[in-house]
């Protein structure tokens, strides 16, 4: 080998490495998803008329015009465009007739882009809600909360973003979204007696966003209302046997006589990518207050938090537990048991709950699976049963050590009577966990979801 050729090889090696680094950098840049915002100025609101091109299930164009606003949150939790918030609030405040406001927060792999499938299906869901039983006296208003649900677009590599997207969803939930949801509630429901309705839906990591934003609000308002109800009945609290404060104690903005309220009218978490340990403090408080008075909740008490998880969801049933195994290796856990108001013992295994999602942990499931509904649906929901709560309480009291409820779900006509694996039950509580929504991880709307959300807000 000549000296020149040797020198050429020496110089070639750094060149090859440099090219490899440049190529890798190009791949990284090309695989990185857009930052947004996708909606600016007048584009942050729109009025949608659904048709068969948008919603294949429609045979003809919809007669309804649905106003929709978009609010986008950045990676660090701040508004990407603060003007979006003002436009969304103005849209809600604009309608003269009673409003049915629906907020949707998307999950993994999605954004607020016009071509995003969640955006498209959200429009169809709003049209379905507007058409249920006619809703003649209510204007459905949609608010789509967007965030960077996908950071990498490269095939296979995008699935490795689980941990960092989960962390991002928690960061977003603790940021400016709290301000927006607070102002939205004050705008949509200025008083507890307002005829307007407000529902918040979070899907996948979007459910994590929602729960981080208003989870503590839900728990705090439950505690305030539960103590008020106990005080009105002259009950005592906790092992100290201290007398509860009187009925004149401070209330929260949505308090209603005789009822437990939370945020708005209803919060729905669909296939939530949230570890079940996050819901344990809620169940523990519910259980303890109910032990003080098993009849704490009136017959008219509607659910305030509904958790839906499908049996075909690979992301929360398979991927989530697997990822949690590795991310919780150094965590410590303590197992314990609860005694329900009906003298039933429930084992609480913290490690298992920390690996499973809220909707998939059997220890906190309350309702029987929903049966699949025929595609031929006339747009009418089952009639509302005002005695549903009393019925489920009496049935629960009559069960044995392993209760097998046959009426676990609010949509009785959609419950499969031969598949009731509700396990531990707090059917009388204002929190529901319903299994077998019947769809995989992707968000979609259907008769179960549309009717459930409508019936739950009738009170």
Protein backbone atom coordinates (compact mmCIF):
# COMPACT_ATOMS: atom_id res chain seq x y z
CA UNK A 1 0.00 0.00 0.00
CA UNK A 2 1.37 3.37 -0.98
CA UNK A 3 1.68 6.27 1.43
CA UNK A 4 -0.87 8.29 -0.61
CA UNK A 5 -3.48 5.53 -0.51
CA UNK A 6 -3.00 5.12 3.25
CA UNK A 7 -3.48 8.86 3.78
CA UNK A 8 -6.59 8.69 1.57
CA UNK A 9 -8.09 5.94 3.75
CA UNK A 10 -7.37 7.92 6.92
CA UNK A 11 -9.17 10.94 5.51
CA UNK A 12 -12.02 8.79 4.16
CA UNK A 13 -13.03 7.43 7.59
CA UNK A 14 -13.98 10.82 9.07
CA UNK A 15 -15.80 11.64 5.85
CA UNK A 16 -17.91 8.46 6.08
CA UNK A 17 -18.71 9.17 9.72
CA UNK A 18 -19.67 12.73 8.89
CA UNK A 19 -21.97 11.59 6.12
CA UNK A 20 -23.58 9.07 8.48
CA UNK A 21 -24.16 11.78 11.07
CA UNK A 22 -25.65 14.11 8.45
CA UNK A 23 -27.91 11.32 7.18
CA UNK A 24 -29.03 10.54 10.73
CA UNK A 25 -29.76 14.22 11.34
CA UNK A 26 -31.82 14.40 8.17
CA UNK A 27 -33.83 11.33 9.22
CA UNK A 28 -34.44 12.87 12.66
CA UNK A 29 -35.64 16.14 11.16
CA UNK A 30 -37.85 14.42 8.60
CA UNK A 31 -39.33 12.14 11.27
CA UNK A 32 -40.13 14.98 13.65
CA UNK A 33 -43.79 16.00 13.55
CA UNK A 34 -44.99 19.56 13.15
CA UNK A 35 -45.11 21.83 16.19
CA UNK A 36 -48.25 23.80 15.30
CA UNK A 37 -50.39 25.74 15.85
CA UNK A 38 -52.61 24.35 13.13
CA UNK A 39 -55.39 26.91 13.66
CA UNK A 40 -54.87 30.66 13.68
CA UNK A 41 -57.07 33.73 13.37
CA UNK A 42 -60.46 33.04 11.83
CA UNK A 43 -59.33 29.46 11.23
CA UNK A 44 -59.58 28.72 14.99
CA UNK A 45 -63.37 28.54 14.68
CA UNK A 46 -65.66 27.08 12.05
CA UNK A 47 -69.25 26.03 11.44
CA UNK A 48 -69.66 22.46 10.20
CA UNK A 49 -72.49 20.83 8.30
CA UNK A 50 -71.90 17.10 8.24
CA UNK A 51 -72.46 15.05 5.08
CA UNK A 52 -71.63 11.58 3.80
CA UNK A 53 -68.19 12.71 2.62
CA UNK A 54 -67.27 13.66 6.19
CA UNK A 55 -69.37 11.06 8.00
CA UNK A 56 -69.88 7.91 5.89
CA UNK A 57 -72.70 6.77 8.16
CA UNK A 58 -74.88 9.67 6.93
CA UNK A 59 -77.07 9.01 3.92
CA UNK A 60 -77.82 12.68 3.32
CA UNK A 61 -76.43 16.03 4.44
CA UNK A 62 -77.22 16.94 8.03
CA UNK A 63 -79.70 19.78 8.65
CA UNK A 64 -77.58 20.99 11.59
CA UNK A 65 -74.86 23.63 11.62
CA UNK A 66 -72.40 22.91 14.42
CA UNK A 67 -70.02 25.65 15.65
CA UNK A 68 -66.56 24.38 16.63
CA UNK A 69 -63.59 26.14 18.22
CA UNK A 70 -59.99 24.93 18.46
CA UNK A 71 -57.64 25.57 21.39
CA UNK A 72 -54.04 24.35 21.07
CA UNK A 73 -51.62 23.81 23.94
CA UNK A 74 -47.83 23.75 23.49
CA UNK A 75 -45.30 21.20 24.70
CA UNK A 76 -44.61 23.07 27.94
CA UNK A 77 -48.26 23.62 28.81
CA UNK A 78 -48.79 27.17 27.53
CA UNK A 79 -51.26 28.38 24.91
CA UNK A 80 -49.84 28.21 21.40
CA UNK A 81 -52.12 31.09 20.45
CA UNK A 82 -53.89 32.80 23.34
CA UNK A 83 -56.39 34.34 20.95
CA UNK A 84 -57.82 30.85 20.40
CA UNK A 85 -59.06 30.84 23.99
CA UNK A 86 -60.84 34.16 23.61
CA UNK A 87 -62.48 33.08 20.36
CA UNK A 88 -63.64 29.79 21.90
CA UNK A 89 -65.20 31.53 24.90
CA UNK A 90 -66.86 34.08 22.63
CA UNK A 91 -68.31 31.25 20.53
CA UNK A 92 -69.82 29.61 23.62
CA UNK A 93 -71.18 32.92 24.86
CA UNK A 94 -72.64 33.86 21.50
CA UNK A 95 -75.51 31.41 21.22
CA UNK A 96 -78.81 32.65 22.61
CA UNK A 97 -80.53 29.30 23.13
CA UNK A 98 -79.39 26.77 25.78
CA UNK A 99 -76.03 25.26 24.87
CA UNK A 100 -74.67 21.72 24.99
CA UNK A 101 -70.90 22.33 25.08
CA UNK A 102 -68.65 19.36 24.36
CA UNK A 103 -64.88 19.59 24.89
CA UNK A 104 -62.72 16.88 23.35
CA UNK A 105 -59.00 16.35 24.08
CA UNK A 106 -57.32 13.95 21.66
CA UNK A 107 -54.64 11.44 22.49
CA UNK A 108 -51.56 9.71 21.12
CA UNK A 109 -50.59 10.30 17.44
CA UNK A 110 -53.13 13.08 16.85
CA UNK A 111 -53.27 16.88 16.56
CA UNK A 112 -55.63 19.72 15.58
CA UNK A 113 -54.90 19.52 11.85
CA UNK A 114 -57.81 19.61 9.42
CA UNK A 115 -56.91 16.17 8.06
CA UNK A 116 -56.59 14.50 11.46
CA UNK A 117 -59.04 11.62 11.84
CA UNK A 118 -59.96 12.66 15.40
CA UNK A 119 -60.94 16.11 14.14
CA UNK A 120 -63.13 14.56 11.46
CA UNK A 121 -64.82 12.06 13.79
CA UNK A 122 -65.34 14.73 16.44
CA UNK A 123 -67.41 16.68 13.93
CA UNK A 124 -69.50 13.57 13.26
CA UNK A 125 -69.93 12.95 17.00
CA UNK A 126 -71.21 16.49 17.51
CA UNK A 127 -73.69 16.04 14.69
CA UNK A 128 -74.91 12.80 16.31
CA UNK A 129 -75.37 14.54 19.65
CA UNK A 130 -77.32 17.35 18.02
CA UNK A 131 -79.59 14.84 16.28
CA UNK A 132 -80.31 12.61 19.31
CA UNK A 133 -84.01 12.89 20.17
CA UNK A 134 -83.96 16.06 18.11
CA UNK A 135 -82.30 18.20 20.81
CA UNK A 136 -84.54 20.96 19.46
CA UNK A 137 -83.94 23.40 22.30
CA UNK A 138 -80.16 23.06 22.56
CA UNK A 139 -77.29 24.21 20.37
CA UNK A 140 -74.41 21.75 20.42
CA UNK A 141 -71.06 23.58 20.51
CA UNK A 142 -67.76 21.74 20.08
CA UNK A 143 -64.35 22.66 21.44
CA UNK A 144 -61.39 20.61 20.20
CA UNK A 145 -58.30 20.84 22.39
CA UNK A 146 -55.18 20.04 20.38
CA UNK A 147 -51.65 19.28 21.48
CA UNK A 148 -48.64 17.54 19.96
CA UNK A 149 -49.84 13.98 20.39
CA UNK A 150 -47.21 12.69 18.00
CA UNK A 151 -43.57 13.76 18.17
CA UNK A 152 -42.17 11.22 15.64
CA UNK A 153 -43.80 10.11 12.40
CA UNK A 154 -41.32 7.36 11.48
CA UNK A 155 -42.89 3.89 11.30
CA UNK A 156 -42.21 1.74 14.39
CA UNK A 157 -40.13 4.54 15.96
CA UNK A 158 -43.32 6.48 16.69
CA UNK A 159 -44.41 3.72 19.10
CA UNK A 160 -41.30 4.33 21.20
CA UNK A 161 -42.61 7.77 22.12
CA UNK A 162 -44.89 6.30 24.78
CA UNK A 163 -42.94 7.58 27.78
CA UNK A 164 -42.24 11.08 26.55
CA UNK A 165 -45.79 11.61 25.21
CA UNK A 166 -47.20 10.40 28.53
CA UNK A 167 -45.01 12.90 30.37
CA UNK A 168 -46.05 15.62 27.93
CA UNK A 169 -49.73 14.90 28.49
CA UNK A 170 -49.26 15.40 32.22
CA UNK A 171 -47.35 18.65 31.63
CA UNK A 172 -50.10 19.96 29.36
CA UNK A 173 -52.80 19.08 31.88
CA UNK A 174 -51.09 21.17 34.55
CA UNK A 175 -50.61 24.20 32.30
CA UNK A 176 -52.78 26.84 30.69
CA UNK A 177 -55.56 24.34 30.00
CA UNK A 178 -56.57 24.74 33.65
CA UNK A 179 -57.19 28.44 33.01
CA UNK A 180 -59.21 27.73 29.89
CA UNK A 181 -61.40 25.04 31.48
CA UNK A 182 -62.01 27.26 34.51
CA UNK A 183 -63.10 30.18 32.35
CA UNK A 184 -65.12 27.87 30.11
CA UNK A 185 -67.13 26.51 33.02
CA UNK A 186 -67.89 30.03 34.23
CA UNK A 187 -68.99 30.99 30.72
CA UNK A 188 -71.05 27.89 29.91
CA UNK A 189 -72.50 27.40 33.40
CA UNK A 190 -72.50 30.75 35.19
CA UNK A 191 -74.71 29.23 37.90
CA UNK A 192 -75.63 25.68 39.03
CA UNK A 193 -79.17 26.25 37.72
CA UNK A 194 -78.03 27.21 34.22
CA UNK A 195 -79.86 25.26 31.47
CA UNK A 196 -76.57 24.85 29.61
CA UNK A 197 -74.69 21.55 29.64
CA UNK A 198 -70.92 21.06 29.70
CA UNK A 199 -69.20 17.76 28.99
CA UNK A 200 -65.45 17.11 28.76
CA UNK A 201 -64.15 14.03 26.93
CA UNK A 202 -60.52 12.88 26.94
CA UNK A 203 -59.18 9.97 24.91
CA UNK A 204 -55.99 7.98 25.55
CA UNK A 205 -53.25 10.42 26.61
CA UNK A 206 -55.89 13.10 26.12
CA UNK A 207 -57.68 11.53 29.09
CA UNK A 208 -54.41 12.03 30.98
CA UNK A 209 -54.48 15.69 29.98
CA UNK A 210 -58.04 16.06 31.26
CA UNK A 211 -57.44 14.19 34.50
CA UNK A 212 -54.34 16.22 35.31
CA UNK A 213 -56.22 19.44 34.57
CA UNK A 214 -59.41 18.87 36.59
CA UNK A 215 -58.92 15.68 38.60
CA UNK A 216 -58.25 17.59 41.81
CA UNK A 217 -61.24 19.86 41.12
CA UNK A 218 -63.47 16.79 40.92
CA UNK A 219 -62.12 15.37 44.18
CA UNK A 220 -62.29 18.69 46.03
CA UNK A 221 -65.88 19.33 44.98
CA UNK A 222 -66.89 15.81 45.97
CA UNK A 223 -65.46 16.35 49.45
CA UNK A 224 -67.23 19.70 49.83
CA UNK A 225 -70.59 18.32 48.71
CA UNK A 226 -70.29 15.03 50.63
CA UNK A 227 -69.53 16.87 53.87
CA UNK A 228 -72.43 19.21 53.24
CA UNK A 229 -74.80 16.27 52.74
CA UNK A 230 -73.56 14.59 55.90
CA UNK A 231 -73.95 17.83 57.85
CA UNK A 232 -77.52 18.24 56.66
CA UNK A 233 -78.28 14.78 58.06
CA UNK A 234 -76.47 15.38 61.33
CA UNK A 235 -73.87 12.71 60.59
CA UNK A 236 -70.31 12.69 61.93
CA UNK A 237 -67.04 12.39 60.03
CA UNK A 238 -64.12 10.02 60.36
CA UNK A 239 -62.89 8.20 63.44
CA UNK A 240 -62.58 11.41 65.47
CA UNK A 241 -66.39 11.57 65.60
CA UNK A 242 -66.22 15.33 65.20
CA UNK A 243 -69.48 17.01 64.27
CA UNK A 244 -69.63 18.13 60.67
CA UNK A 245 -69.88 21.86 59.84
CA UNK A 246 -73.40 23.15 59.34
CA UNK A 247 -75.24 23.37 56.01
CA UNK A 248 -74.19 27.00 55.66
CA UNK A 249 -70.56 26.04 55.00
CA UNK A 250 -68.90 27.41 51.88
CA UNK A 251 -70.01 25.79 48.59
CA UNK A 252 -68.25 25.52 45.25
CA UNK A 253 -69.56 27.21 42.08
CA UNK A 254 -71.54 24.17 40.85
CA UNK A 255 -73.09 22.95 44.13
CA UNK A 256 -76.70 21.77 43.86
CA UNK A 257 -79.00 20.95 46.78
CA UNK A 258 -78.91 17.26 47.67
CA UNK A 259 -76.40 16.36 44.97
CA UNK A 260 -72.68 15.85 44.49
CA UNK A 261 -71.29 17.92 41.63
CA UNK A 262 -67.91 17.99 39.91
CA UNK A 263 -66.66 19.85 36.83
CA UNK A 264 -69.43 20.96 34.50
CA UNK A 265 -72.00 18.21 34.11
CA UNK A 266 -69.94 15.22 33.05
CA UNK A 267 -66.33 14.17 32.49
CA UNK A 268 -65.71 11.12 30.28
CA UNK A 269 -62.36 9.35 29.96
CA UNK A 270 -62.28 7.01 26.93
CA UNK A 271 -59.57 4.34 26.93
CA UNK A 272 -57.58 6.47 29.41
CA UNK A 273 -53.81 5.92 29.34
CA UNK A 274 -53.58 6.63 33.06
CA UNK A 275 -52.37 4.25 35.74
CA UNK A 276 -55.16 3.03 38.02
CA UNK A 277 -53.31 4.20 41.14
CA UNK A 278 -54.32 7.75 40.17
CA UNK A 279 -58.00 6.94 40.76
CA UNK A 280 -57.44 5.16 44.09
CA UNK A 281 -57.70 8.34 46.25
CA UNK A 282 -61.08 9.03 44.63
CA UNK A 283 -62.39 5.53 45.36
CA UNK A 284 -61.04 5.64 48.90
CA UNK A 285 -62.80 8.94 49.67
CA UNK A 286 -66.03 7.71 48.06
CA UNK A 287 -65.90 4.51 50.04
CA UNK A 288 -65.22 6.16 53.40
CA UNK A 289 -67.93 8.78 53.07
CA UNK A 290 -70.40 6.13 51.95
CA UNK A 291 -69.57 4.02 54.98
CA UNK A 292 -70.60 6.95 57.17
CA UNK A 293 -73.95 6.99 55.40
CA UNK A 294 -74.73 4.27 52.81
CA UNK A 295 -77.70 6.37 51.67
CA UNK A 296 -75.58 9.48 51.19
CA UNK A 297 -76.56 9.94 47.55
CA UNK A 298 -80.09 10.75 46.45
CA UNK A 299 -81.96 8.90 43.72
CA UNK A 300 -81.44 11.83 41.37
CA UNK A 301 -77.63 11.72 41.67
CA UNK A 302 -76.13 11.55 38.14
CA UNK A 303 -72.64 10.22 37.41
CA UNK A 304 -69.97 12.92 37.27
CA UNK A 305 -66.98 10.93 36.00
CA UNK A 306 -67.38 8.05 33.53
CA UNK A 307 -64.44 5.86 32.55
CA UNK A 308 -64.84 3.74 29.42
CA UNK A 309 -62.33 1.17 28.18
CA UNK A 310 -62.72 -1.30 25.32
CA UNK A 311 -61.68 -4.91 25.45
CA UNK A 312 -60.13 -4.59 22.00
CA UNK A 313 -57.80 -1.73 22.98
CA UNK A 314 -54.24 -2.99 22.53
CA UNK A 315 -52.68 0.29 23.64
CA UNK A 316 -54.07 0.35 27.18
CA UNK A 317 -54.45 -3.41 27.66
CA UNK A 318 -51.06 -4.51 26.30
CA UNK A 319 -48.66 -1.67 25.54
CA UNK A 320 -49.40 0.41 28.65
CA UNK A 321 -48.84 -2.35 31.25
CA UNK A 322 -45.66 -3.48 29.48
CA UNK A 323 -44.23 0.02 29.46
CA UNK A 324 -45.19 0.57 33.08
CA UNK A 325 -43.29 -2.52 34.17
CA UNK A 326 -40.00 -0.95 33.08
CA UNK A 327 -40.78 2.58 34.26
CA UNK A 328 -41.74 1.48 37.80
CA UNK A 329 -38.89 -0.90 38.60
CA UNK A 330 -37.68 1.17 41.56
CA UNK A 331 -41.14 1.99 42.94
CA UNK A 332 -42.26 0.62 46.32
CA UNK A 333 -45.80 -0.61 46.93
CA UNK A 334 -48.06 -1.42 49.86
CA UNK A 335 -51.04 -3.75 49.55
CA UNK A 336 -54.15 -3.21 51.64
CA UNK A 337 -57.89 -3.87 51.63
CA UNK A 338 -61.06 -1.81 51.78
CA UNK A 339 -64.38 -2.63 53.43
CA UNK A 340 -67.33 -1.34 51.40
CA UNK A 341 -70.55 0.03 52.93
CA UNK A 342 -72.05 -3.40 52.21
CA UNK A 343 -69.43 -5.30 54.23
CA UNK A 344 -67.46 -6.50 51.21
CA UNK A 345 -63.66 -6.61 51.33
CA UNK A 346 -61.71 -5.43 48.30
CA UNK A 347 -58.00 -6.19 47.86
CA UNK A 348 -55.95 -3.21 46.72
CA UNK A 349 -52.70 -4.39 45.13
CA UNK A 350 -50.76 -1.23 44.37
CA UNK A 351 -48.20 -2.76 41.99
CA UNK A 352 -50.96 -4.23 39.83
CA UNK A 353 -52.90 -0.95 39.87
CA UNK A 354 -49.77 0.99 38.91
CA UNK A 355 -49.29 -1.22 35.85
CA UNK A 356 -52.92 -1.21 34.68
CA UNK A 357 -54.99 1.68 33.36
CA UNK A 358 -58.03 3.02 35.18
CA UNK A 359 -60.50 1.27 32.91
CA UNK A 360 -58.76 -2.09 32.90
CA UNK A 361 -58.07 -2.63 36.62
CA UNK A 362 -60.77 -4.99 37.87
CA UNK A 363 -60.46 -3.75 41.45
CA UNK A 364 -62.05 -0.44 40.48
CA UNK A 365 -64.51 -1.58 37.81
CA UNK A 366 -68.14 -0.97 38.68
CA UNK A 367 -70.27 -1.74 35.67
CA UNK A 368 -71.09 -4.64 33.39
CA UNK A 369 -69.90 -4.64 29.77
CA UNK A 370 -71.98 -2.91 27.16
CA UNK A 371 -73.44 -5.10 24.45
CA UNK A 372 -72.82 -4.22 20.84
CA UNK A 373 -75.57 -2.09 19.35
CA UNK A 374 -76.93 -2.76 15.91
CA UNK A 375 -75.76 -0.39 13.20
CA UNK A 376 -79.42 0.27 12.41
CA UNK A 377 -80.13 3.01 14.94
CA UNK A 378 -83.08 5.40 14.75
CA UNK A 379 -81.41 8.22 16.67
CA UNK A 380 -83.58 7.71 19.76
CA UNK A 381 -82.10 6.94 23.18
CA UNK A 382 -83.68 4.60 25.74
CA UNK A 383 -86.00 6.44 28.12
CA UNK A 384 -84.40 7.86 31.24
CA UNK A 385 -85.18 5.84 34.39
CA UNK A 386 -85.39 8.23 37.36
CA UNK A 387 -85.18 5.27 39.79
CA UNK A 388 -81.97 3.80 38.37
CA UNK A 389 -79.88 4.70 41.41
CA UNK A 390 -82.27 3.23 44.00
CA UNK A 391 -82.54 0.05 41.96
CA UNK A 392 -78.78 -0.48 41.74
CA UNK A 393 -78.28 0.27 45.44
CA UNK A 394 -80.92 -2.24 46.51
CA UNK A 395 -79.52 -4.87 44.17
CA UNK A 396 -76.02 -4.26 45.49
CA UNK A 397 -77.17 -4.65 49.07
CA UNK A 398 -78.83 -7.96 48.22
CA UNK A 399 -75.74 -9.48 46.62
CA UNK A 400 -73.39 -11.96 48.21
CA UNK A 401 -69.65 -11.60 48.84
CA UNK A 402 -69.05 -11.68 45.09
CA UNK A 403 -71.73 -9.40 43.61
CA UNK A 404 -72.90 -10.07 40.07
CA UNK A 405 -74.93 -7.04 39.04
CA UNK A 406 -77.22 -7.36 36.02
CA UNK A 407 -78.00 -3.66 35.82
CA UNK A 408 -74.57 -2.15 36.21
CA UNK A 409 -74.81 0.37 33.41
CA UNK A 410 -77.00 3.41 33.00
CA UNK A 411 -77.92 2.18 29.50
CA UNK A 412 -79.79 -0.89 30.70
CA UNK A 413 -80.93 -1.84 27.21
CA UNK A 414 -77.29 -2.03 26.12
CA UNK A 415 -76.03 -4.23 28.97
CA UNK A 416 -75.29 -7.85 28.18
CA UNK A 417 -77.25 -9.75 30.89
CA UNK A 418 -75.05 -12.83 30.76
CA UNK A 419 -71.68 -11.02 31.05
CA UNK A 420 -71.61 -9.16 34.34
CA UNK A 421 -68.05 -9.07 35.67
CA UNK A 422 -68.38 -5.83 37.57
CA UNK A 423 -66.34 -7.08 40.51
CA UNK A 424 -66.25 -4.55 43.33
CA UNK A 425 -69.04 -2.06 43.02
CA UNK A 426 -69.91 1.47 43.97
CA UNK A 427 -72.88 1.71 41.60
CA UNK A 428 -74.43 4.42 43.74
CA UNK A 429 -71.41 6.66 43.54
CA UNK A 430 -71.05 9.59 41.13
CA UNK A 431 -68.16 7.84 39.39
CA UNK A 432 -68.57 5.03 36.88
CA UNK A 433 -66.11 2.67 35.23
CA UNK A 434 -67.74 0.84 32.33
CA UNK A 435 -65.93 -1.88 30.41
CA UNK A 436 -66.23 -3.08 26.82
CA UNK A 437 -67.04 0.12 25.02
CA UNK A 438 -66.76 -2.09 21.96
CA UNK A 439 -64.10 -0.24 19.95
CA UNK A 440 -60.30 -0.40 19.70
CA UNK A 441 -58.01 2.41 20.84
CA UNK A 442 -59.04 4.94 18.21
CA UNK A 443 -61.74 7.40 19.30
CA UNK A 444 -65.12 7.20 17.65
CA UNK A 445 -68.69 7.95 18.63
CA UNK A 446 -71.68 5.69 18.56
CA UNK A 447 -75.12 5.10 20.11
CA UNK A 448 -73.62 3.91 23.42
CA UNK A 449 -71.47 6.98 23.88
CA UNK A 450 -73.96 9.51 22.58
CA UNK A 451 -76.89 8.22 24.62
CA UNK A 452 -74.82 7.66 27.75
CA UNK A 453 -73.55 11.22 27.77
CA UNK A 454 -77.03 12.58 27.11
CA UNK A 455 -78.79 10.55 29.79
CA UNK A 456 -76.10 11.24 32.36
CA UNK A 457 -76.78 14.98 32.12
CA UNK A 458 -80.56 14.91 32.33
CA UNK A 459 -80.70 15.90 35.99
